[in-house]
Amino acid sequence: MKGQSGNPGGRPREIGEIKDLARAHTADAIEALRGIAVDLTAPASARVAASEALLNRAWGRPSLAISAEGESEPLELIVSWRGA
């Protein structure tokens, strides 16, 4: 029906409660990531992953840059839309 939300009941309460519970542990999770990032005995891959996670949460994920320089063929973008 026109003008009616596809989800009139909104998000289920349980999902909101789970998010609230998870968010209550944000400080601990960030501290754990920090601990891994600065632990010189941790594998390099773990330190990089922890560092990336911290930077992404602090500054956002970097944008994707596409360069058309070089000798490759031009890019072709195909978009398919299946709307109502």
PDB file of N, CA and C in Angstrom:
ATOM      1  N   MET A   1       0.845  -1.173   0.000  1.00  0.00           N
ATOM      2  CA  MET A   1       0.000   0.000   0.000  1.00  0.00           C
ATOM      3  C   MET A   1       0.891   1.237   0.000  1.00  0.00           C
ATOM      4  N   LYS A   2       0.550   2.214  -0.820  1.00  0.00           N
ATOM      5  CA  LYS A   2       1.337   3.431  -0.935  1.00  0.00           C
ATOM      6  C   LYS A   2       1.353   4.193   0.390  1.00  0.00           C
ATOM      7  N   GLY A   3       2.564   4.625   0.780  1.00  0.00           N
ATOM      8  CA  GLY A   3       2.708   5.396   2.006  1.00  0.00           C
ATOM      9  C   GLY A   3       2.846   4.553   3.260  1.00  0.00           C
ATOM     10  N   GLN A   4       2.848   3.222   3.124  1.00  0.00           N
ATOM     11  CA  GLN A   4       2.966   2.361   4.290  1.00  0.00           C
ATOM     12  C   GLN A   4       4.359   1.746   4.323  1.00  0.00           C
ATOM     13  N   SER A   5       4.955   1.739   5.479  1.00  0.00           N
ATOM     14  CA  SER A   5       6.285   1.176   5.637  1.00  0.00           C
ATOM     15  C   SER A   5       6.264  -0.320   5.365  1.00  0.00           C
ATOM     16  N   GLY A   6       7.376  -0.812   4.792  1.00  0.00           N
ATOM     17  CA  GLY A   6       7.519  -2.244   4.589  1.00  0.00           C
ATOM     18  C   GLY A   6       7.785  -2.975   5.893  1.00  0.00           C
ATOM     19  N   ASN A   7       8.063  -2.227   6.953  1.00  0.00           N
ATOM     20  CA  ASN A   7       8.326  -2.807   8.261  1.00  0.00           C
ATOM     21  C   ASN A   7       7.603  -1.962   9.309  1.00  0.00           C
ATOM     22  N   PRO A   8       6.264  -2.020   9.318  1.00  0.00           N
ATOM     23  CA  PRO A   8       5.505  -1.138  10.212  1.00  0.00           C
ATOM     24  C   PRO A   8       5.766  -1.365  11.694  1.00  0.00           C
ATOM     25  N   GLY A   9       6.189  -2.568  12.067  1.00  0.00           N
ATOM     26  CA  GLY A   9       6.455  -2.845  13.480  1.00  0.00           C
ATOM     27  C   GLY A   9       7.819  -2.371  13.925  1.00  0.00           C
ATOM     28  N   GLY A  10       8.654  -1.969  12.980  1.00  0.00           N
ATOM     29  CA  GLY A  10       9.999  -1.529  13.323  1.00  0.00           C
ATOM     30  C   GLY A  10      10.914  -2.707  13.608  1.00  0.00           C
ATOM     31  N   ARG A  11      12.084  -2.399  14.082  1.00  0.00           N
ATOM     32  CA  ARG A  11      13.072  -3.426  14.413  1.00  0.00           C
ATOM     33  C   ARG A  11      12.603  -4.194  15.640  1.00  0.00           C
ATOM     34  N   PRO A  12      12.752  -5.522  15.617  1.00  0.00           N
ATOM     35  CA  PRO A  12      12.341  -6.299  16.797  1.00  0.00           C
ATOM     36  C   PRO A  12      13.100  -5.857  18.045  1.00  0.00           C
ATOM     37  N   ARG A  13      12.435  -5.830  19.158  1.00  0.00           N
ATOM     38  CA  ARG A  13      13.012  -5.387  20.419  1.00  0.00           C
ATOM     39  C   ARG A  13      14.260  -6.196  20.779  1.00  0.00           C
ATOM     40  N   GLU A  14      14.256  -7.493  20.476  1.00  0.00           N
ATOM     41  CA  GLU A  14      15.381  -8.355  20.841  1.00  0.00           C
ATOM     42  C   GLU A  14      16.678  -7.865  20.194  1.00  0.00           C
ATOM     43  N   ILE A  15      16.600  -7.409  18.942  1.00  0.00           N
ATOM     44  CA  ILE A  15      17.802  -6.939  18.255  1.00  0.00           C
ATOM     45  C   ILE A  15      18.341  -5.698  18.951  1.00  0.00           C
ATOM     46  N   GLY A  16      17.477  -4.800  19.330  1.00  0.00           N
ATOM     47  CA  GLY A  16      17.904  -3.607  20.055  1.00  0.00           C
ATOM     48  C   GLY A  16      18.548  -3.948  21.383  1.00  0.00           C
ATOM     49  N   GLU A  17      17.999  -4.934  22.067  1.00  0.00           N
ATOM     50  CA  GLU A  17      18.555  -5.352  23.355  1.00  0.00           C
ATOM     51  C   GLU A  17      19.933  -5.975  23.171  1.00  0.00           C
ATOM     52  N   ILE A  18      20.100  -6.770  22.123  1.00  0.00           N
ATOM     53  CA  ILE A  18      21.399  -7.392  21.848  1.00  0.00           C
ATOM     54  C   ILE A  18      22.428  -6.313  21.523  1.00  0.00           C
ATOM     55  N   LYS A  19      22.032  -5.329  20.729  1.00  0.00           N
ATOM     56  CA  LYS A  19      22.948  -4.227  20.412  1.00  0.00           C
ATOM     57  C   LYS A  19      23.352  -3.495  21.680  1.00  0.00           C
ATOM     58  N   ASP A  20      22.391  -3.240  22.558  1.00  0.00           N
ATOM     59  CA  ASP A  20      22.695  -2.540  23.808  1.00  0.00           C
ATOM     60  C   ASP A  20      23.684  -3.344  24.653  1.00  0.00           C
ATOM     61  N   LEU A  21      23.477  -4.656  24.722  1.00  0.00           N
ATOM     62  CA  LEU A  21      24.399  -5.510  25.487  1.00  0.00           C
ATOM     63  C   LEU A  21      25.794  -5.478  24.886  1.00  0.00           C
ATOM     64  N   ALA A  22      25.878  -5.580  23.558  1.00  0.00           N
ATOM     65  CA  ALA A  22      27.180  -5.561  22.890  1.00  0.00           C
ATOM     66  C   ALA A  22      27.867  -4.211  23.079  1.00  0.00           C
ATOM     67  N   ARG A  23      27.108  -3.129  22.960  1.00  0.00           N
ATOM     68  CA  ARG A  23      27.687  -1.797  23.100  1.00  0.00           C
ATOM     69  C   ARG A  23      28.199  -1.546  24.512  1.00  0.00           C
ATOM     70  N   ALA A  24      27.646  -2.242  25.489  1.00  0.00           N
ATOM     71  CA  ALA A  24      28.106  -2.088  26.865  1.00  0.00           C
ATOM     72  C   ALA A  24      29.553  -2.566  27.017  1.00  0.00           C
ATOM     73  N   HIS A  25      30.031  -3.364  26.064  1.00  0.00           N
ATOM     74  CA  HIS A  25      31.398  -3.904  26.118  1.00  0.00           C
ATOM     75  C   HIS A  25      32.354  -3.189  25.165  1.00  0.00           C
ATOM     76  N   THR A  26      31.939  -2.050  24.637  1.00  0.00           N
ATOM     77  CA  THR A  26      32.760  -1.325  23.664  1.00  0.00           C
ATOM     78  C   THR A  26      34.127  -0.959  24.236  1.00  0.00           C
ATOM     79  N   ALA A  27      34.167  -0.391  25.418  1.00  0.00           N
ATOM     80  CA  ALA A  27      35.443   0.036  26.006  1.00  0.00           C
ATOM     81  C   ALA A  27      36.380  -1.156  26.184  1.00  0.00           C
ATOM     82  N   ASP A  28      35.844  -2.287  26.646  1.00  0.00           N
ATOM     83  CA  ASP A  28      36.677  -3.483  26.819  1.00  0.00           C
ATOM     84  C   ASP A  28      37.202  -3.986  25.476  1.00  0.00           C
ATOM     85  N   ALA A  29      36.356  -3.961  24.450  1.00  0.00           N
ATOM     86  CA  ALA A  29      36.770  -4.434  23.132  1.00  0.00           C
ATOM     87  C   ALA A  29      37.859  -3.534  22.551  1.00  0.00           C
ATOM     88  N   ILE A  30      37.715  -2.239  22.714  1.00  0.00           N
ATOM     89  CA  ILE A  30      38.731  -1.323  22.204  1.00  0.00           C
ATOM     90  C   ILE A  30      40.039  -1.506  22.968  1.00  0.00           C
ATOM     91  N   GLU A  31      39.949  -1.715  24.251  1.00  0.00           N
ATOM     92  CA  GLU A  31      41.160  -1.959  25.048  1.00  0.00           C
ATOM     93  C   GLU A  31      41.837  -3.255  24.616  1.00  0.00           C
ATOM     94  N   ALA A  32      41.060  -4.288  24.295  1.00  0.00           N
ATOM     95  CA  ALA A  32      41.632  -5.543  23.812  1.00  0.00           C
ATOM     96  C   ALA A  32      42.337  -5.330  22.474  1.00  0.00           C
ATOM     97  N   LEU A  33      41.709  -4.574  21.575  1.00  0.00           N
ATOM     98  CA  LEU A  33      42.343  -4.273  20.289  1.00  0.00           C
ATOM     99  C   LEU A  33      43.642  -3.493  20.493  1.00  0.00           C
ATOM    100  N   ARG A  34      43.605  -2.521  21.396  1.00  0.00           N
ATOM    101  CA  ARG A  34      44.812  -1.744  21.689  1.00  0.00           C
ATOM    102  C   ARG A  34      45.912  -2.646  22.218  1.00  0.00           C
ATOM    103  N   GLY A  35      45.540  -3.553  23.111  1.00  0.00           N
ATOM    104  CA  GLY A  35      46.519  -4.468  23.686  1.00  0.00           C
ATOM    105  C   GLY A  35      47.198  -5.331  22.627  1.00  0.00           C
ATOM    106  N   ILE A  36      46.419  -5.807  21.670  1.00  0.00           N
ATOM    107  CA  ILE A  36      46.985  -6.621  20.586  1.00  0.00           C
ATOM    108  C   ILE A  36      47.873  -5.754  19.694  1.00  0.00           C
ATOM    109  N   ALA A  37      47.406  -4.545  19.375  1.00  0.00           N
ATOM    110  CA  ALA A  37      48.144  -3.666  18.466  1.00  0.00           C
ATOM    111  C   ALA A  37      49.529  -3.304  19.003  1.00  0.00           C
ATOM    112  N   VAL A  38      49.673  -3.186  20.301  1.00  0.00           N
ATOM    113  CA  VAL A  38      50.960  -2.769  20.878  1.00  0.00           C
ATOM    114  C   VAL A  38      51.788  -3.931  21.409  1.00  0.00           C
ATOM    115  N   ASP A  39      51.266  -5.152  21.348  1.00  0.00           N
ATOM    116  CA  ASP A  39      51.981  -6.329  21.855  1.00  0.00           C
ATOM    117  C   ASP A  39      53.012  -6.794  20.831  1.00  0.00           C
ATOM    118  N   LEU A  40      54.278  -6.516  21.102  1.00  0.00           N
ATOM    119  CA  LEU A  40      55.343  -6.871  20.165  1.00  0.00           C
ATOM    120  C   LEU A  40      55.535  -8.373  20.025  1.00  0.00           C
ATOM    121  N   THR A  41      54.962  -9.160  20.931  1.00  0.00           N
ATOM    122  CA  THR A  41      55.071 -10.613  20.819  1.00  0.00           C
ATOM    123  C   THR A  41      53.915 -11.218  20.014  1.00  0.00           C
ATOM    124  N   ALA A  42      52.907 -10.423  19.721  1.00  0.00           N
ATOM    125  CA  ALA A  42      51.768 -10.902  18.932  1.00  0.00           C
ATOM    126  C   ALA A  42      52.197 -11.020  17.471  1.00  0.00           C
ATOM    127  N   PRO A  43      51.575 -11.939  16.737  1.00  0.00           N
ATOM    128  CA  PRO A  43      51.895 -12.048  15.305  1.00  0.00           C
ATOM    129  C   PRO A  43      51.626 -10.719  14.594  1.00  0.00           C
ATOM    130  N   ALA A  44      52.445 -10.418  13.604  1.00  0.00           N
ATOM    131  CA  ALA A  44      52.301  -9.158  12.870  1.00  0.00           C
ATOM    132  C   ALA A  44      50.913  -9.027  12.269  1.00  0.00           C
ATOM    133  N   SER A  45      50.350 -10.122  11.768  1.00  0.00           N
ATOM    134  CA  SER A  45      49.017 -10.048  11.156  1.00  0.00           C
ATOM    135  C   SER A  45      47.956  -9.642  12.173  1.00  0.00           C
ATOM    136  N   ALA A  46      48.087 -10.115  13.398  1.00  0.00           N
ATOM    137  CA  ALA A  46      47.136  -9.747  14.448  1.00  0.00           C
ATOM    138  C   ALA A  46      47.295  -8.276  14.814  1.00  0.00           C
ATOM    139  N   ARG A  47      48.539  -7.802  14.874  1.00  0.00           N
ATOM    140  CA  ARG A  47      48.787  -6.399  15.208  1.00  0.00           C
ATOM    141  C   ARG A  47      48.233  -5.480  14.131  1.00  0.00           C
ATOM    142  N   VAL A  48      48.419  -5.866  12.862  1.00  0.00           N
ATOM    143  CA  VAL A  48      47.892  -5.065  11.761  1.00  0.00           C
ATOM    144  C   VAL A  48      46.371  -5.058  11.794  1.00  0.00           C
ATOM    145  N   ALA A  49      45.754  -6.224  11.978  1.00  0.00           N
ATOM    146  CA  ALA A  49      44.289  -6.303  12.010  1.00  0.00           C
ATOM    147  C   ALA A  49      43.716  -5.462  13.149  1.00  0.00           C
ATOM    148  N   ALA A  50      44.336  -5.527  14.322  1.00  0.00           N
ATOM    149  CA  ALA A  50      43.861  -4.736  15.459  1.00  0.00           C
ATOM    150  C   ALA A  50      44.032  -3.248  15.186  1.00  0.00           C
ATOM    151  N   SER A  51      45.171  -2.871  14.600  1.00  0.00           N
ATOM    152  CA  SER A  51      45.413  -1.468  14.279  1.00  0.00           C
ATOM    153  C   SER A  51      44.401  -0.955  13.262  1.00  0.00           C
ATOM    154  N   GLU A  52      44.137  -1.759  12.222  1.00  0.00           N
ATOM    155  CA  GLU A  52      43.147  -1.365  11.215  1.00  0.00           C
ATOM    156  C   GLU A  52      41.765  -1.202  11.842  1.00  0.00           C
ATOM    157  N   ALA A  53      41.390  -2.121  12.714  1.00  0.00           N
ATOM    158  CA  ALA A  53      40.082  -2.039  13.356  1.00  0.00           C
ATOM    159  C   ALA A  53      39.969  -0.757  14.179  1.00  0.00           C
ATOM    160  N   LEU A  54      41.012  -0.424  14.917  1.00  0.00           N
ATOM    161  CA  LEU A  54      40.980   0.804  15.716  1.00  0.00           C
ATOM    162  C   LEU A  54      40.910   2.040  14.828  1.00  0.00           C
ATOM    163  N   LEU A  55      41.742   2.081  13.785  1.00  0.00           N
ATOM    164  CA  LEU A  55      41.733   3.248  12.894  1.00  0.00           C
ATOM    165  C   LEU A  55      40.402   3.389  12.170  1.00  0.00           C
ATOM    166  N   ASN A  56      39.835   2.278  11.710  1.00  0.00           N
ATOM    167  CA  ASN A  56      38.544   2.336  11.016  1.00  0.00           C
ATOM    168  C   ASN A  56      37.444   2.854  11.918  1.00  0.00           C
ATOM    169  N   ARG A  57      37.469   2.478  13.175  1.00  0.00           N
ATOM    170  CA  ARG A  57      36.436   2.939  14.087  1.00  0.00           C
ATOM    171  C   ARG A  57      36.645   4.399  14.477  1.00  0.00           C
ATOM    172  N   ALA A  58      37.896   4.824  14.521  1.00  0.00           N
ATOM    173  CA  ALA A  58      38.182   6.209  14.906  1.00  0.00           C
ATOM    174  C   ALA A  58      37.990   7.185  13.753  1.00  0.00           C
ATOM    175  N   TRP A  59      38.409   6.795  12.539  1.00  0.00           N
ATOM    176  CA  TRP A  59      38.443   7.728  11.421  1.00  0.00           C
ATOM    177  C   TRP A  59      37.566   7.310  10.254  1.00  0.00           C
ATOM    178  N   GLY A  60      36.949   6.131  10.325  1.00  0.00           N
ATOM    179  CA  GLY A  60      36.159   5.621   9.217  1.00  0.00           C
ATOM    180  C   GLY A  60      37.040   4.855   8.247  1.00  0.00           C
ATOM    181  N   ARG A  61      36.410   4.031   7.458  1.00  0.00           N
ATOM    182  CA  ARG A  61      37.165   3.257   6.478  1.00  0.00           C
ATOM    183  C   ARG A  61      37.627   4.179   5.353  1.00  0.00           C
ATOM    184  N   PRO A  62      38.833   3.927   4.842  1.00  0.00           N
ATOM    185  CA  PRO A  62      39.304   4.769   3.743  1.00  0.00           C
ATOM    186  C   PRO A  62      38.444   4.580   2.500  1.00  0.00           C
ATOM    187  N   SER A  63      38.317   5.649   1.723  1.00  0.00           N
ATOM    188  CA  SER A  63      37.536   5.548   0.497  1.00  0.00           C
ATOM    189  C   SER A  63      38.354   4.804  -0.554  1.00  0.00           C
ATOM    190  N   LEU A  64      37.663   4.208  -1.492  1.00  0.00           N
ATOM    191  CA  LEU A  64      38.309   3.456  -2.556  1.00  0.00           C
ATOM    192  C   LEU A  64      38.613   4.397  -3.705  1.00  0.00           C
ATOM    193  N   ALA A  65      39.863   4.484  -4.083  1.00  0.00           N
ATOM    194  CA  ALA A  65      40.261   5.325  -5.211  1.00  0.00           C
ATOM    195  C   ALA A  65      40.457   4.437  -6.434  1.00  0.00           C
ATOM    196  N   ILE A  66      39.920   4.849  -7.558  1.00  0.00           N
ATOM    197  CA  ILE A  66      40.073   4.112  -8.801  1.00  0.00           C
ATOM    198  C   ILE A  66      40.862   4.992  -9.759  1.00  0.00           C
ATOM    199  N   SER A  67      41.947   4.459 -10.256  1.00  0.00           N
ATOM    200  CA  SER A  67      42.791   5.216 -11.175  1.00  0.00           C
ATOM    201  C   SER A  67      42.618   4.671 -12.581  1.00  0.00           C
ATOM    202  N   ALA A  68      42.535   5.563 -13.545  1.00  0.00           N
ATOM    203  CA  ALA A  68      42.407   5.170 -14.946  1.00  0.00           C
ATOM    204  C   ALA A  68      43.755   5.258 -15.649  1.00  0.00           C
ATOM    205  N   GLU A  69      44.818   5.463 -14.893  1.00  0.00           N
ATOM    206  CA  GLU A  69      46.144   5.572 -15.485  1.00  0.00           C
ATOM    207  C   GLU A  69      46.686   4.195 -15.807  1.00  0.00           C
ATOM    208  N   GLY A  70      47.595   4.130 -16.748  1.00  0.00           N
ATOM    209  CA  GLY A  70      48.213   2.867 -17.097  1.00  0.00           C
ATOM    210  C   GLY A  70      47.811   2.431 -18.485  1.00  0.00           C
ATOM    211  N   GLU A  71      48.190   1.223 -18.822  1.00  0.00           N
ATOM    212  CA  GLU A  71      47.958   0.744 -20.177  1.00  0.00           C
ATOM    213  C   GLU A  71      46.861  -0.308 -20.248  1.00  0.00           C
ATOM    214  N   SER A  72      46.063  -0.408 -19.223  1.00  0.00           N
ATOM    215  CA  SER A  72      44.997  -1.409 -19.229  1.00  0.00           C
ATOM    216  C   SER A  72      43.797  -0.899 -20.024  1.00  0.00           C
ATOM    217  N   GLU A  73      42.912  -1.808 -20.311  1.00  0.00           N
ATOM    218  CA  GLU A  73      41.682  -1.451 -21.027  1.00  0.00           C
ATOM    219  C   GLU A  73      40.808  -0.568 -20.137  1.00  0.00           C
ATOM    220  N   PRO A  74      39.956   0.265 -20.738  1.00  0.00           N
ATOM    221  CA  PRO A  74      39.047   1.093 -19.924  1.00  0.00           C
ATOM    222  C   PRO A  74      38.104   0.217 -19.103  1.00  0.00           C
ATOM    223  N   LEU A  75      37.704   0.721 -17.961  1.00  0.00           N
ATOM    224  CA  LEU A  75      36.752   0.010 -17.114  1.00  0.00           C
ATOM    225  C   LEU A  75      35.361   0.096 -17.716  1.00  0.00           C
ATOM    226  N   GLU A  76      34.618  -0.977 -17.586  1.00  0.00           N
ATOM    227  CA  GLU A  76      33.226  -0.985 -18.021  1.00  0.00           C
ATOM    228  C   GLU A  76      32.376  -1.293 -16.803  1.00  0.00           C
ATOM    229  N   LEU A  77      31.433  -0.428 -16.507  1.00  0.00           N
ATOM    230  CA  LEU A  77      30.561  -0.601 -15.360  1.00  0.00           C
ATOM    231  C   LEU A  77      29.188  -0.995 -15.854  1.00  0.00           C
ATOM    232  N   ILE A  78      28.711  -2.135 -15.399  1.00  0.00           N
ATOM    233  CA  ILE A  78      27.392  -2.613 -15.786  1.00  0.00           C
ATOM    234  C   ILE A  78      26.529  -2.630 -14.534  1.00  0.00           C
ATOM    235  N   VAL A  79      25.412  -1.932 -14.595  1.00  0.00           N
ATOM    236  CA  VAL A  79      24.497  -1.867 -13.455  1.00  0.00           C
ATOM    237  C   VAL A  79      23.191  -2.510 -13.857  1.00  0.00           C
ATOM    238  N   SER A  80      22.735  -3.427 -13.032  1.00  0.00           N
ATOM    239  CA  SER A  80      21.454  -4.074 -13.272  1.00  0.00           C
ATOM    240  C   SER A  80      20.526  -3.721 -12.118  1.00  0.00           C
ATOM    241  N   TRP A  81      19.358  -3.217 -12.432  1.00  0.00           N
ATOM    242  CA  TRP A  81      18.422  -2.798 -11.393  1.00  0.00           C
ATOM    243  C   TRP A  81      17.144  -3.604 -11.523  1.00  0.00           C
ATOM    244  N   ARG A  82      16.770  -4.212 -10.431  1.00  0.00           N
ATOM    245  CA  ARG A  82      15.508  -4.965 -10.408  1.00  0.00           C
ATOM    246  C   ARG A  82      14.612  -4.324  -9.382  1.00  0.00           C
ATOM    247  N   GLY A  83      13.925  -3.308  -9.797  1.00  0.00           N
ATOM    248  CA  GLY A  83      13.043  -2.573  -8.899  1.00  0.00           C
ATOM    249  C   GLY A  83      11.618  -3.070  -8.979  1.00  0.00           C
ATOM    250  N   ALA A  84      10.793  -2.516  -8.133  1.00  0.00           N
ATOM    251  CA  ALA A  84       9.383  -2.914  -8.106  1.00  0.00           C
ATOM    252  C   ALA A  84       8.637  -2.330  -9.270  1.00  0.00           C
TER     253      ALA A  84
END
